[in-house]
């Protein structure tokens, strides 16, 4: 299957959670700086973690169930896929990988041609207030992709139609030393069976570095899909079950592994050292495995 003109870049990851207060407590305990709550016009809310390279995590809750139900009825793919994830897996997890784009319309057309579109594009705006009190409007355009037989995982591109200028340097400083996302790792019954889809959605070639594993290298991160045995060996934890494909782990690059370890030890955060990584199991407010490795 042909790829796009250039590989897509990772923009952010969506992590459904039951309560933003719980997520904030957990993520701050892990040494992350968590942004104030952002409210979407279709019933969901987030409290993001911004990293120095411009990528981020989006912990997501349903803040207004009535508005969310209206959005699902109106074929809002973002809210509908979030709802489907929660119904199948509970309120905690890692549901979506998001790519940066300058043209969501072209992405949607490409996804339709490739047979991977998850539904209609979505445009939305929300009020924005920076730290100084200056008001603006943030506007976004999204194009969605998913595999028909994979109900628990989806992908979309995000075009910032209007991006207020804001200094996020304070929000990008984390006590654990995290600088960027180096990899997203999922688990699948048959990783090789997803090769065509990942080539279509990322615009990059997919490799098979080992039996039971596929990988795609984006300009700023990697996506890997392993079988259950390989996933368990990599992280020392059980792989998620009950789905053809689930996103299950995020690997962060940190300035100093000893700095991250010291923070975890001081705060009583449970982890295991696995090779050159510190692996933190999922917990309430942290729906995926978090692994930390030192940047070279």
C-alpha atoms as a PDB file:
ATOM      1  CA  UNK A   1       0.000   0.000   0.000  1.00  0.00           C
ATOM      2  CA  UNK A   2       1.378   3.401  -0.889  1.00  0.00           C
ATOM      3  CA  UNK A   3       2.308   5.852   1.842  1.00  0.00           C
ATOM      4  CA  UNK A   4       1.846   9.596   2.079  1.00  0.00           C
ATOM      5  CA  UNK A   5       4.479  12.004   0.762  1.00  0.00           C
ATOM      6  CA  UNK A   6       6.174  12.027   4.148  1.00  0.00           C
ATOM      7  CA  UNK A   7       5.662  10.191   7.436  1.00  0.00           C
ATOM      8  CA  UNK A   8       3.253  11.777   9.871  1.00  0.00           C
ATOM      9  CA  UNK A   9       4.544  13.179  13.161  1.00  0.00           C
ATOM     10  CA  UNK A  10       3.167  12.198  16.540  1.00  0.00           C
ATOM     11  CA  UNK A  11       1.096  15.016  18.047  1.00  0.00           C
ATOM     12  CA  UNK A  12      -0.460  13.522  21.171  1.00  0.00           C
ATOM     13  CA  UNK A  13      -2.044  10.501  22.855  1.00  0.00           C
ATOM     14  CA  UNK A  14      -5.565  10.221  24.274  1.00  0.00           C
ATOM     15  CA  UNK A  15      -5.944   8.524  27.665  1.00  0.00           C
ATOM     16  CA  UNK A  16      -9.520   7.991  28.868  1.00  0.00           C
ATOM     17  CA  UNK A  17      -9.813   8.300  32.631  1.00  0.00           C
ATOM     18  CA  UNK A  18     -12.621   8.282  35.180  1.00  0.00           C
ATOM     19  CA  UNK A  19     -11.807  11.557  36.948  1.00  0.00           C
ATOM     20  CA  UNK A  20      -9.379  14.360  36.155  1.00  0.00           C
ATOM     21  CA  UNK A  21      -8.764  14.971  39.868  1.00  0.00           C
ATOM     22  CA  UNK A  22      -7.577  11.373  40.257  1.00  0.00           C
ATOM     23  CA  UNK A  23      -5.511  11.599  37.075  1.00  0.00           C
ATOM     24  CA  UNK A  24      -3.910  14.846  38.235  1.00  0.00           C
ATOM     25  CA  UNK A  25      -2.921  13.351  41.598  1.00  0.00           C
ATOM     26  CA  UNK A  26      -1.453  10.255  39.973  1.00  0.00           C
ATOM     27  CA  UNK A  27       0.381  12.051  37.178  1.00  0.00           C
ATOM     28  CA  UNK A  28       1.830  14.662  39.531  1.00  0.00           C
ATOM     29  CA  UNK A  29       2.998  11.834  41.798  1.00  0.00           C
ATOM     30  CA  UNK A  30       4.848  10.454  38.759  1.00  0.00           C
ATOM     31  CA  UNK A  31       6.603  13.807  38.387  1.00  0.00           C
ATOM     32  CA  UNK A  32       4.568  15.377  35.590  1.00  0.00           C
ATOM     33  CA  UNK A  33       3.305  18.952  35.506  1.00  0.00           C
ATOM     34  CA  UNK A  34      -0.409  18.848  34.622  1.00  0.00           C
ATOM     35  CA  UNK A  35      -2.143  21.724  32.796  1.00  0.00           C
ATOM     36  CA  UNK A  36      -5.440  23.311  33.872  1.00  0.00           C
ATOM     37  CA  UNK A  37      -8.676  21.710  32.682  1.00  0.00           C
ATOM     38  CA  UNK A  38      -9.758  22.326  29.088  1.00  0.00           C
ATOM     39  CA  UNK A  39     -13.435  21.966  28.163  1.00  0.00           C
ATOM     40  CA  UNK A  40     -14.608  20.732  24.751  1.00  0.00           C
ATOM     41  CA  UNK A  41     -17.951  21.851  23.302  1.00  0.00           C
ATOM     42  CA  UNK A  42     -19.166  18.243  22.998  1.00  0.00           C
ATOM     43  CA  UNK A  43     -19.043  17.108  26.628  1.00  0.00           C
ATOM     44  CA  UNK A  44     -15.476  15.940  27.161  1.00  0.00           C
ATOM     45  CA  UNK A  45     -12.744  17.613  29.233  1.00  0.00           C
ATOM     46  CA  UNK A  46      -8.984  17.190  29.484  1.00  0.00           C
ATOM     47  CA  UNK A  47      -5.997  18.105  31.645  1.00  0.00           C
ATOM     48  CA  UNK A  48      -2.941  17.731  29.436  1.00  0.00           C
ATOM     49  CA  UNK A  49       0.722  16.986  30.001  1.00  0.00           C
ATOM     50  CA  UNK A  50       2.874  18.998  27.579  1.00  0.00           C
ATOM     51  CA  UNK A  51       6.374  17.861  26.663  1.00  0.00           C
ATOM     52  CA  UNK A  52       9.334  19.911  25.493  1.00  0.00           C
ATOM     53  CA  UNK A  53       9.186  18.652  21.888  1.00  0.00           C
ATOM     54  CA  UNK A  54       5.574  19.811  21.448  1.00  0.00           C
ATOM     55  CA  UNK A  55       3.899  16.417  21.915  1.00  0.00           C
ATOM     56  CA  UNK A  56       1.537  15.820  24.804  1.00  0.00           C
ATOM     57  CA  UNK A  57      -0.747  13.449  26.692  1.00  0.00           C
ATOM     58  CA  UNK A  58      -4.479  14.128  26.840  1.00  0.00           C
ATOM     59  CA  UNK A  59      -6.155  12.547  29.875  1.00  0.00           C
ATOM     60  CA  UNK A  60      -9.845  12.704  28.956  1.00  0.00           C
ATOM     61  CA  UNK A  61     -13.097  12.527  30.936  1.00  0.00           C
ATOM     62  CA  UNK A  62     -16.762  12.850  30.073  1.00  0.00           C
ATOM     63  CA  UNK A  63     -17.619  16.064  31.909  1.00  0.00           C
ATOM     64  CA  UNK A  64     -21.134  16.551  30.516  1.00  0.00           C
ATOM     65  CA  UNK A  65     -22.803  13.208  29.681  1.00  0.00           C
ATOM     66  CA  UNK A  66     -25.819  14.889  28.044  1.00  0.00           C
ATOM     67  CA  UNK A  67     -23.656  16.861  25.626  1.00  0.00           C
ATOM     68  CA  UNK A  68     -21.567  13.758  24.940  1.00  0.00           C
ATOM     69  CA  UNK A  69     -24.694  11.759  24.111  1.00  0.00           C
ATOM     70  CA  UNK A  70     -25.817  14.504  21.715  1.00  0.00           C
ATOM     71  CA  UNK A  71     -22.391  14.414  20.072  1.00  0.00           C
ATOM     72  CA  UNK A  72     -22.547  10.650  19.588  1.00  0.00           C
ATOM     73  CA  UNK A  73     -26.010  10.985  18.042  1.00  0.00           C
ATOM     74  CA  UNK A  74     -24.604  13.639  15.689  1.00  0.00           C
ATOM     75  CA  UNK A  75     -21.869  11.206  14.515  1.00  0.00           C
ATOM     76  CA  UNK A  76     -19.001  12.903  16.355  1.00  0.00           C
ATOM     77  CA  UNK A  77     -16.327  10.237  15.882  1.00  0.00           C
ATOM     78  CA  UNK A  78     -14.104  11.493  18.712  1.00  0.00           C
ATOM     79  CA  UNK A  79     -16.815  11.174  21.366  1.00  0.00           C
ATOM     80  CA  UNK A  80     -18.316   8.001  19.881  1.00  0.00           C
ATOM     81  CA  UNK A  81     -14.963   6.188  19.894  1.00  0.00           C
ATOM     82  CA  UNK A  82     -14.282   7.365  23.439  1.00  0.00           C
ATOM     83  CA  UNK A  83     -17.669   6.048  24.525  1.00  0.00           C
ATOM     84  CA  UNK A  84     -17.071   2.704  22.793  1.00  0.00           C
ATOM     85  CA  UNK A  85     -13.684   2.360  24.474  1.00  0.00           C
ATOM     86  CA  UNK A  86     -15.151   2.988  27.925  1.00  0.00           C
ATOM     87  CA  UNK A  87     -18.008   0.548  27.377  1.00  0.00           C
ATOM     88  CA  UNK A  88     -15.601  -2.249  26.436  1.00  0.00           C
ATOM     89  CA  UNK A  89     -12.624  -1.508  28.677  1.00  0.00           C
ATOM     90  CA  UNK A  90     -13.735   0.661  31.585  1.00  0.00           C
ATOM     91  CA  UNK A  91     -12.800   4.266  32.213  1.00  0.00           C
ATOM     92  CA  UNK A  92      -8.992   3.927  32.211  1.00  0.00           C
ATOM     93  CA  UNK A  93      -6.754   3.298  29.236  1.00  0.00           C
ATOM     94  CA  UNK A  94      -4.974   4.523  26.116  1.00  0.00           C
ATOM     95  CA  UNK A  95      -7.385   4.807  23.211  1.00  0.00           C
ATOM     96  CA  UNK A  96      -5.908   6.934  20.419  1.00  0.00           C
ATOM     97  CA  UNK A  97      -2.752   8.064  18.675  1.00  0.00           C
ATOM     98  CA  UNK A  98      -2.957  11.534  17.146  1.00  0.00           C
ATOM     99  CA  UNK A  99      -0.778  12.879  14.324  1.00  0.00           C
ATOM    100  CA  UNK A 100      -0.004  16.488  13.482  1.00  0.00           C
ATOM    101  CA  UNK A 101      -1.218  17.788  10.130  1.00  0.00           C
ATOM    102  CA  UNK A 102      -1.612  20.951   8.102  1.00  0.00           C
ATOM    103  CA  UNK A 103      -4.496  19.626   6.019  1.00  0.00           C
ATOM    104  CA  UNK A 104      -7.176  17.502   7.697  1.00  0.00           C
ATOM    105  CA  UNK A 105      -9.305  17.548   4.530  1.00  0.00           C
ATOM    106  CA  UNK A 106      -6.544  15.886   2.525  1.00  0.00           C
ATOM    107  CA  UNK A 107      -5.989  13.361   5.305  1.00  0.00           C
ATOM    108  CA  UNK A 108      -9.681  12.448   5.363  1.00  0.00           C
ATOM    109  CA  UNK A 109      -9.667  11.967   1.594  1.00  0.00           C
ATOM    110  CA  UNK A 110      -6.556   9.784   1.876  1.00  0.00           C
ATOM    111  CA  UNK A 111      -8.107   7.675   4.633  1.00  0.00           C
ATOM    112  CA  UNK A 112     -11.268   7.186   2.539  1.00  0.00           C
ATOM    113  CA  UNK A 113      -9.232   6.114  -0.501  1.00  0.00           C
ATOM    114  CA  UNK A 114      -7.240   3.673   1.629  1.00  0.00           C
ATOM    115  CA  UNK A 115     -10.389   2.204   3.147  1.00  0.00           C
ATOM    116  CA  UNK A 116      -9.416   3.155   6.725  1.00  0.00           C
ATOM    117  CA  UNK A 117     -11.625   6.179   7.421  1.00  0.00           C
ATOM    118  CA  UNK A 118     -13.447   5.964  10.773  1.00  0.00           C
ATOM    119  CA  UNK A 119     -16.109   8.519   9.828  1.00  0.00           C
ATOM    120  CA  UNK A 120     -16.684  12.187   9.028  1.00  0.00           C
ATOM    121  CA  UNK A 121     -14.213  14.938   9.794  1.00  0.00           C
ATOM    122  CA  UNK A 122     -14.743  17.070  12.877  1.00  0.00           C
ATOM    123  CA  UNK A 123     -14.239  20.827  13.290  1.00  0.00           C
ATOM    124  CA  UNK A 124     -14.503  22.444  16.700  1.00  0.00           C
ATOM    125  CA  UNK A 125     -13.394  25.469  18.693  1.00  0.00           C
ATOM    126  CA  UNK A 126     -13.119  26.232  22.378  1.00  0.00           C
ATOM    127  CA  UNK A 127     -12.357  29.360  24.423  1.00  0.00           C
ATOM    128  CA  UNK A 128      -8.783  29.762  25.573  1.00  0.00           C
ATOM    129  CA  UNK A 129      -7.327  31.891  28.354  1.00  0.00           C
ATOM    130  CA  UNK A 130      -3.559  32.085  28.882  1.00  0.00           C
ATOM    131  CA  UNK A 131      -1.714  32.544  32.164  1.00  0.00           C
ATOM    132  CA  UNK A 132      -1.888  36.350  31.844  1.00  0.00           C
ATOM    133  CA  UNK A 133      -5.670  36.308  31.373  1.00  0.00           C
ATOM    134  CA  UNK A 134      -5.609  36.997  27.631  1.00  0.00           C
ATOM    135  CA  UNK A 135      -8.614  35.416  25.892  1.00  0.00           C
ATOM    136  CA  UNK A 136      -8.596  33.740  22.486  1.00  0.00           C
ATOM    137  CA  UNK A 137     -10.219  30.865  20.623  1.00  0.00           C
ATOM    138  CA  UNK A 138      -8.466  27.586  19.806  1.00  0.00           C
ATOM    139  CA  UNK A 139      -9.807  25.851  16.680  1.00  0.00           C
ATOM    140  CA  UNK A 140      -9.120  22.324  15.439  1.00  0.00           C
ATOM    141  CA  UNK A 141      -9.891  20.128  12.442  1.00  0.00           C
ATOM    142  CA  UNK A 142      -9.709  16.340  12.844  1.00  0.00           C
ATOM    143  CA  UNK A 143      -9.664  13.414  10.393  1.00  0.00           C
ATOM    144  CA  UNK A 144     -10.189   9.883  11.719  1.00  0.00           C
ATOM    145  CA  UNK A 145      -8.917   6.413  10.861  1.00  0.00           C
ATOM    146  CA  UNK A 146      -9.502   2.974  12.353  1.00  0.00           C
ATOM    147  CA  UNK A 147      -9.607  -0.691  11.461  1.00  0.00           C
ATOM    148  CA  UNK A 148     -13.105  -2.142  11.183  1.00  0.00           C
ATOM    149  CA  UNK A 149     -12.296  -5.140  13.371  1.00  0.00           C
ATOM    150  CA  UNK A 150     -10.463  -3.097  16.043  1.00  0.00           C
ATOM    151  CA  UNK A 151     -13.015  -1.412  18.335  1.00  0.00           C
ATOM    152  CA  UNK A 152     -10.597  -0.341  21.069  1.00  0.00           C
ATOM    153  CA  UNK A 153      -8.077   1.765  19.159  1.00  0.00           C
ATOM    154  CA  UNK A 154      -8.374   4.682  16.761  1.00  0.00           C
ATOM    155  CA  UNK A 155      -6.173   7.289  15.120  1.00  0.00           C
ATOM    156  CA  UNK A 156      -6.684  10.815  13.892  1.00  0.00           C
ATOM    157  CA  UNK A 157      -4.849  13.780  12.489  1.00  0.00           C
ATOM    158  CA  UNK A 158      -5.183  17.165  14.167  1.00  0.00           C
ATOM    159  CA  UNK A 159      -4.928  20.444  12.264  1.00  0.00           C
ATOM    160  CA  UNK A 160      -4.705  23.583  14.389  1.00  0.00           C
ATOM    161  CA  UNK A 161      -6.851  25.979  12.382  1.00  0.00           C
ATOM    162  CA  UNK A 162      -6.269  28.660  15.007  1.00  0.00           C
ATOM    163  CA  UNK A 163      -3.535  28.142  17.563  1.00  0.00           C
ATOM    164  CA  UNK A 164      -3.265  30.863  20.228  1.00  0.00           C
ATOM    165  CA  UNK A 165       0.317  31.780  21.004  1.00  0.00           C
ATOM    166  CA  UNK A 166       1.160  30.773  24.538  1.00  0.00           C
ATOM    167  CA  UNK A 167       4.330  30.206  26.526  1.00  0.00           C
ATOM    168  CA  UNK A 168       4.088  26.615  27.768  1.00  0.00           C
ATOM    169  CA  UNK A 169       7.643  26.404  29.099  1.00  0.00           C
ATOM    170  CA  UNK A 170       6.479  26.121  32.721  1.00  0.00           C
ATOM    171  CA  UNK A 171       4.073  23.310  31.802  1.00  0.00           C
ATOM    172  CA  UNK A 172       6.804  21.497  29.869  1.00  0.00           C
ATOM    173  CA  UNK A 173       9.115  21.219  32.901  1.00  0.00           C
ATOM    174  CA  UNK A 174       8.658  17.926  34.734  1.00  0.00           C
ATOM    175  CA  UNK A 175      10.251  16.775  37.966  1.00  0.00           C
ATOM    176  CA  UNK A 176      10.840  13.309  36.529  1.00  0.00           C
ATOM    177  CA  UNK A 177      12.907  14.832  33.705  1.00  0.00           C
ATOM    178  CA  UNK A 178      10.564  13.734  30.896  1.00  0.00           C
ATOM    179  CA  UNK A 179      11.343  15.489  27.615  1.00  0.00           C
ATOM    180  CA  UNK A 180       9.427  13.578  24.955  1.00  0.00           C
ATOM    181  CA  UNK A 181       7.582  10.418  23.990  1.00  0.00           C
ATOM    182  CA  UNK A 182       9.987   7.986  22.366  1.00  0.00           C
ATOM    183  CA  UNK A 183       7.549   5.160  21.635  1.00  0.00           C
ATOM    184  CA  UNK A 184       3.972   3.965  21.866  1.00  0.00           C
ATOM    185  CA  UNK A 185       3.609   0.196  22.206  1.00  0.00           C
ATOM    186  CA  UNK A 186       0.495  -1.854  21.589  1.00  0.00           C
ATOM    187  CA  UNK A 187      -0.387  -5.517  21.782  1.00  0.00           C
ATOM    188  CA  UNK A 188      -2.132  -7.520  19.065  1.00  0.00           C
ATOM    189  CA  UNK A 189      -3.133 -11.104  18.413  1.00  0.00           C
ATOM    190  CA  UNK A 190      -1.472 -10.894  14.978  1.00  0.00           C
ATOM    191  CA  UNK A 191       0.819  -7.847  14.682  1.00  0.00           C
ATOM    192  CA  UNK A 192       1.731  -8.547  11.051  1.00  0.00           C
ATOM    193  CA  UNK A 193      -1.947  -8.469  10.111  1.00  0.00           C
ATOM    194  CA  UNK A 194      -2.001  -4.734  10.883  1.00  0.00           C
ATOM    195  CA  UNK A 195       0.900  -3.820   8.607  1.00  0.00           C
ATOM    196  CA  UNK A 196      -1.189  -2.386   5.765  1.00  0.00           C
ATOM    197  CA  UNK A 197      -3.276  -0.269   8.093  1.00  0.00           C
ATOM    198  CA  UNK A 198      -0.266   1.262   9.837  1.00  0.00           C
ATOM    199  CA  UNK A 199       1.409   2.080   6.546  1.00  0.00           C
ATOM    200  CA  UNK A 200      -1.786   3.811   5.388  1.00  0.00           C
ATOM    201  CA  UNK A 201      -2.357   5.779   8.566  1.00  0.00           C
ATOM    202  CA  UNK A 202       1.247   6.813   9.300  1.00  0.00           C
ATOM    203  CA  UNK A 203       2.600   7.298   5.805  1.00  0.00           C
ATOM    204  CA  UNK A 204       5.747   5.410   6.813  1.00  0.00           C
ATOM    205  CA  UNK A 205       7.047   1.912   6.040  1.00  0.00           C
ATOM    206  CA  UNK A 206       6.425  -0.805   8.596  1.00  0.00           C
ATOM    207  CA  UNK A 207       9.249  -3.142   9.559  1.00  0.00           C
ATOM    208  CA  UNK A 208       9.299  -6.489  11.378  1.00  0.00           C
ATOM    209  CA  UNK A 209      12.423  -6.420  13.560  1.00  0.00           C
ATOM    210  CA  UNK A 210      11.471  -9.698  15.260  1.00  0.00           C
ATOM    211  CA  UNK A 211       8.885 -12.434  15.031  1.00  0.00           C
ATOM    212  CA  UNK A 212       5.580 -11.276  16.479  1.00  0.00           C
ATOM    213  CA  UNK A 213       6.399  -7.567  16.244  1.00  0.00           C
ATOM    214  CA  UNK A 214       5.995  -4.704  13.789  1.00  0.00           C
ATOM    215  CA  UNK A 215       7.372  -1.179  14.099  1.00  0.00           C
ATOM    216  CA  UNK A 216       6.981   2.137  12.313  1.00  0.00           C
ATOM    217  CA  UNK A 217       9.392   5.019  12.842  1.00  0.00           C
ATOM    218  CA  UNK A 218       7.851   8.473  12.736  1.00  0.00           C
ATOM    219  CA  UNK A 219      10.055  11.572  12.610  1.00  0.00           C
ATOM    220  CA  UNK A 220       9.648  12.122  16.362  1.00  0.00           C
ATOM    221  CA  UNK A 221       8.649   8.764  17.866  1.00  0.00           C
ATOM    222  CA  UNK A 222       8.067   5.080  17.134  1.00  0.00           C
ATOM    223  CA  UNK A 223       4.948   2.953  17.175  1.00  0.00           C
ATOM    224  CA  UNK A 224       5.400  -0.743  17.891  1.00  0.00           C
ATOM    225  CA  UNK A 225       2.859  -3.563  18.012  1.00  0.00           C
ATOM    226  CA  UNK A 226       3.896  -6.793  19.730  1.00  0.00           C
ATOM    227  CA  UNK A 227       2.222 -10.097  20.399  1.00  0.00           C
ATOM    228  CA  UNK A 228       1.318 -10.957  23.984  1.00  0.00           C
ATOM    229  CA  UNK A 229       4.506 -12.899  24.666  1.00  0.00           C
ATOM    230  CA  UNK A 230       6.775 -10.179  23.298  1.00  0.00           C
ATOM    231  CA  UNK A 231       4.891  -7.439  25.114  1.00  0.00           C
ATOM    232  CA  UNK A 232       5.185  -9.249  28.451  1.00  0.00           C
ATOM    233  CA  UNK A 233       8.897  -9.821  27.951  1.00  0.00           C
ATOM    234  CA  UNK A 234       9.469  -6.165  27.082  1.00  0.00           C
ATOM    235  CA  UNK A 235       7.646  -4.681  30.053  1.00  0.00           C
ATOM    236  CA  UNK A 236       7.537  -7.503  32.604  1.00  0.00           C
ATOM    237  CA  UNK A 237       3.760  -7.102  32.876  1.00  0.00           C
ATOM    238  CA  UNK A 238       0.764  -8.937  31.463  1.00  0.00           C
ATOM    239  CA  UNK A 239      -0.388  -7.860  28.034  1.00  0.00           C
ATOM    240  CA  UNK A 240      -3.973  -6.612  27.672  1.00  0.00           C
ATOM    241  CA  UNK A 241      -6.379  -9.260  26.464  1.00  0.00           C
ATOM    242  CA  UNK A 242      -9.788  -9.432  24.837  1.00  0.00           C
ATOM    243  CA  UNK A 243      -9.064  -7.218  21.832  1.00  0.00           C
ATOM    244  CA  UNK A 244      -7.469  -7.706  18.396  1.00  0.00           C
ATOM    245  CA  UNK A 245      -5.272  -4.665  19.124  1.00  0.00           C
ATOM    246  CA  UNK A 246      -4.841  -2.452  22.180  1.00  0.00           C
ATOM    247  CA  UNK A 247      -2.479   0.439  22.807  1.00  0.00           C
ATOM    248  CA  UNK A 248      -0.947  -0.350  26.169  1.00  0.00           C
ATOM    249  CA  UNK A 249       2.370   1.389  26.919  1.00  0.00           C
ATOM    250  CA  UNK A 250       4.051   4.780  26.525  1.00  0.00           C
ATOM    251  CA  UNK A 251       7.829   5.145  26.626  1.00  0.00           C
ATOM    252  CA  UNK A 252       9.171   8.533  27.724  1.00  0.00           C
ATOM    253  CA  UNK A 253      12.661   9.879  27.109  1.00  0.00           C
ATOM    254  CA  UNK A 254      14.047  11.511  30.255  1.00  0.00           C
ATOM    255  CA  UNK A 255      17.083  13.700  30.785  1.00  0.00           C
ATOM    256  CA  UNK A 256      18.407  11.421  33.544  1.00  0.00           C
ATOM    257  CA  UNK A 257      17.175   7.985  34.563  1.00  0.00           C
ATOM    258  CA  UNK A 258      18.643   8.474  38.028  1.00  0.00           C
ATOM    259  CA  UNK A 259      16.616  11.687  38.373  1.00  0.00           C
ATOM    260  CA  UNK A 260      13.401   9.844  37.531  1.00  0.00           C
ATOM    261  CA  UNK A 261      14.319   6.983  39.857  1.00  0.00           C
ATOM    262  CA  UNK A 262      15.031   9.386  42.717  1.00  0.00           C
ATOM    263  CA  UNK A 263      11.649  11.027  42.241  1.00  0.00           C
ATOM    264  CA  UNK A 264       9.831   7.688  42.232  1.00  0.00           C
ATOM    265  CA  UNK A 265      11.699   6.484  45.318  1.00  0.00           C
ATOM    266  CA  UNK A 266      11.002   9.688  47.223  1.00  0.00           C
ATOM    267  CA  UNK A 267       7.293   9.546  46.406  1.00  0.00           C
ATOM    268  CA  UNK A 268       6.812   5.836  46.934  1.00  0.00           C
ATOM    269  CA  UNK A 269       5.922   5.194  43.285  1.00  0.00           C
ATOM    270  CA  UNK A 270       6.033   1.511  42.459  1.00  0.00           C
ATOM    271  CA  UNK A 271       8.197   0.539  39.490  1.00  0.00           C
ATOM    272  CA  UNK A 272      10.581  -2.101  38.243  1.00  0.00           C
ATOM    273  CA  UNK A 273      13.883  -1.577  36.493  1.00  0.00           C
ATOM    274  CA  UNK A 274      13.871  -3.554  33.286  1.00  0.00           C
ATOM    275  CA  UNK A 275      17.116  -3.220  31.391  1.00  0.00           C
ATOM    276  CA  UNK A 276      17.670   0.463  30.709  1.00  0.00           C
ATOM    277  CA  UNK A 277      14.071   1.402  31.550  1.00  0.00           C
ATOM    278  CA  UNK A 278      12.011   2.115  34.632  1.00  0.00           C
ATOM    279  CA  UNK A 279       8.573   0.552  34.147  1.00  0.00           C
ATOM    280  CA  UNK A 280       5.575   1.878  36.099  1.00  0.00           C
ATOM    281  CA  UNK A 281       2.412  -0.285  35.964  1.00  0.00           C
ATOM    282  CA  UNK A 282      -0.998   1.272  35.254  1.00  0.00           C
ATOM    283  CA  UNK A 283      -2.987   2.800  38.100  1.00  0.00           C
ATOM    284  CA  UNK A 284      -6.146   4.845  38.533  1.00  0.00           C
ATOM    285  CA  UNK A 285      -5.587   8.032  36.557  1.00  0.00           C
ATOM    286  CA  UNK A 286      -2.817   6.379  34.523  1.00  0.00           C
ATOM    287  CA  UNK A 287      -4.443   3.938  32.178  1.00  0.00           C
ATOM    288  CA  UNK A 288      -1.314   2.680  30.426  1.00  0.00           C
ATOM    289  CA  UNK A 289       2.089   1.332  31.354  1.00  0.00           C
ATOM    290  CA  UNK A 290       4.562   4.219  31.603  1.00  0.00           C
ATOM    291  CA  UNK A 291       8.203   3.380  30.881  1.00  0.00           C
ATOM    292  CA  UNK A 292      11.106   5.805  31.214  1.00  0.00           C
ATOM    293  CA  UNK A 293      14.433   5.607  29.392  1.00  0.00           C
ATOM    294  CA  UNK A 294      17.380   7.971  29.313  1.00  0.00           C
ATOM    295  CA  UNK A 295      17.861  10.063  26.209  1.00  0.00           C
ATOM    296  CA  UNK A 296      21.270   9.729  24.574  1.00  0.00           C
END
